[in-house]
Amino acid sequence: MLHDAAGSGRPCTAEIDLGIVVYWLEGEGEAATPVCEFFGGQALTQALACAEERRRQGHRHVSISTELDDHVGKPGVSAVEGGRTPDGEVYEWSKAGRAGKARRR
């Protein structure tokens, strides 16, 4: 079971409607317990600082997960077909155009 950092014993679940969650492990080896701390969608700076602090403290598997309301695009995979995005916008970007001429060795 995953617990929040405040130690309330409240499990970290997907039903909690917050934008950012920082996860890490407390303890060592087999005794390590997953823990998380919740942040609102506008608190990215604070979440990054929390993750950095956990790493400096020596915690393992520190990660950040987000589900922001104002993120770019719809959840899931989108495709460009016929030079247009699923919502009909023209899409002309390509890696070949960005990278420049290919180099030969």
Protein backbone atom coordinates (compact mmCIF):
# COMPACT_ATOMS: atom_id res chain seq x y z
CA MET A 1 0.00 0.00 0.00
CA LEU A 2 1.27 3.47 -0.90
CA HIS A 3 0.99 6.15 1.80
CA ASP A 4 1.16 9.93 1.73
CA ALA A 5 4.16 11.68 3.28
CA ALA A 6 2.12 13.14 6.13
CA GLY A 7 1.81 9.63 7.56
CA SER A 8 -1.97 9.67 7.69
CA GLY A 9 -2.12 6.18 6.22
CA ARG A 10 -4.31 7.50 3.42
CA PRO A 11 -3.45 5.46 0.32
CA CYS A 12 -2.21 7.31 -2.75
CA THR A 13 -4.85 6.49 -5.35
CA ALA A 14 -5.81 7.73 -8.78
CA GLU A 15 -9.13 8.97 -7.35
CA ILE A 16 -7.35 11.87 -5.63
CA ASP A 17 -7.88 14.82 -7.96
CA LEU A 18 -4.55 16.64 -7.76
CA GLY A 19 -2.28 17.66 -10.58
CA ILE A 20 1.15 16.54 -9.38
CA VAL A 21 2.37 13.67 -7.19
CA VAL A 22 5.97 13.05 -6.08
CA TYR A 23 6.75 9.40 -5.27
CA TRP A 24 9.78 7.87 -3.50
CA LEU A 25 10.82 4.92 -1.33
CA GLU A 26 11.31 5.18 2.45
CA GLY A 27 13.62 2.58 4.00
CA GLU A 28 16.10 0.12 2.57
CA GLY A 29 15.91 -3.10 0.58
CA GLU A 30 12.94 -5.40 1.21
CA ALA A 31 11.68 -3.06 3.95
CA ALA A 32 11.37 -0.07 1.57
CA THR A 33 7.89 1.45 1.53
CA PRO A 34 6.49 3.59 -1.30
CA VAL A 35 5.45 7.09 -0.18
CA CYS A 36 4.02 10.09 -1.99
CA GLU A 37 3.30 13.79 -1.55
CA PHE A 38 0.50 15.63 -3.36
CA PHE A 39 0.69 19.05 -5.05
CA GLY A 40 -1.87 21.15 -6.89
CA GLY A 41 -1.55 21.61 -10.64
CA GLN A 42 0.01 25.07 -10.23
CA ALA A 43 2.71 23.90 -7.80
CA LEU A 44 5.27 22.43 -10.20
CA THR A 45 8.15 24.43 -8.67
CA GLN A 46 7.32 23.10 -5.21
CA ALA A 47 6.97 19.53 -6.52
CA LEU A 48 10.37 19.75 -8.26
CA ALA A 49 11.94 21.10 -5.05
CA CYS A 50 10.38 18.23 -3.10
CA ALA A 51 11.76 15.65 -5.55
CA GLU A 52 15.22 17.27 -5.43
CA GLU A 53 15.19 17.27 -1.63
CA ARG A 54 14.20 13.59 -1.48
CA ARG A 55 17.12 12.68 -3.79
CA ARG A 56 19.53 14.77 -1.68
CA GLN A 57 18.28 12.88 1.39
CA GLY A 58 19.28 9.65 -0.36
CA HIS A 59 15.83 8.29 -1.16
CA ARG A 60 15.58 5.91 -4.12
CA HIS A 61 13.14 5.81 -7.05
CA VAL A 62 12.11 9.47 -6.74
CA SER A 63 9.68 10.36 -9.52
CA ILE A 64 7.04 12.91 -10.46
CA SER A 65 3.72 12.12 -12.11
CA THR A 66 1.32 14.73 -13.50
CA GLU A 67 -2.24 14.88 -14.76
CA LEU A 68 -2.67 18.58 -15.40
CA ASP A 69 -5.97 19.99 -16.60
CA ASP A 70 -4.30 22.40 -19.01
CA HIS A 71 -1.84 19.92 -20.54
CA VAL A 72 -1.11 19.87 -24.24
CA GLY A 73 -3.26 17.48 -26.21
CA LYS A 74 -5.75 14.83 -25.22
CA PRO A 75 -4.66 11.89 -23.06
CA GLY A 76 -3.41 8.97 -25.11
CA VAL A 77 -1.64 8.76 -28.42
CA SER A 78 -2.55 11.08 -31.27
CA ALA A 79 -1.58 10.59 -34.89
CA VAL A 80 -0.90 12.89 -37.80
CA GLU A 81 -2.70 11.68 -40.90
CA GLY A 82 -2.54 13.46 -44.22
CA GLY A 83 -0.57 16.32 -42.68
CA ARG A 84 -3.28 17.14 -40.12
CA THR A 85 -3.74 16.45 -36.41
CA PRO A 86 -6.91 14.66 -35.19
CA ASP A 87 -8.55 18.05 -34.56
CA GLY A 88 -7.86 19.16 -38.17
CA GLU A 89 -4.90 21.49 -37.57
CA VAL A 90 -2.13 21.50 -40.19
CA TYR A 91 1.02 19.75 -38.91
CA GLU A 92 4.26 20.37 -40.80
CA TRP A 93 7.01 19.69 -38.23
CA SER A 94 9.45 16.88 -38.95
CA LYS A 95 12.61 15.69 -37.27
CA ALA A 96 14.39 15.71 -40.62
CA GLY A 97 13.69 19.42 -41.02
CA ARG A 98 14.81 20.18 -37.49
CA ALA A 99 17.99 18.12 -37.48
CA GLY A 100 19.48 19.50 -40.68
CA LYS A 101 21.41 17.60 -43.31
CA ALA A 102 22.41 14.06 -42.37
CA ARG A 103 26.13 13.59 -41.70
CA ARG A 104 28.11 10.70 -43.11
CA ARG A 105 31.01 9.13 -41.29
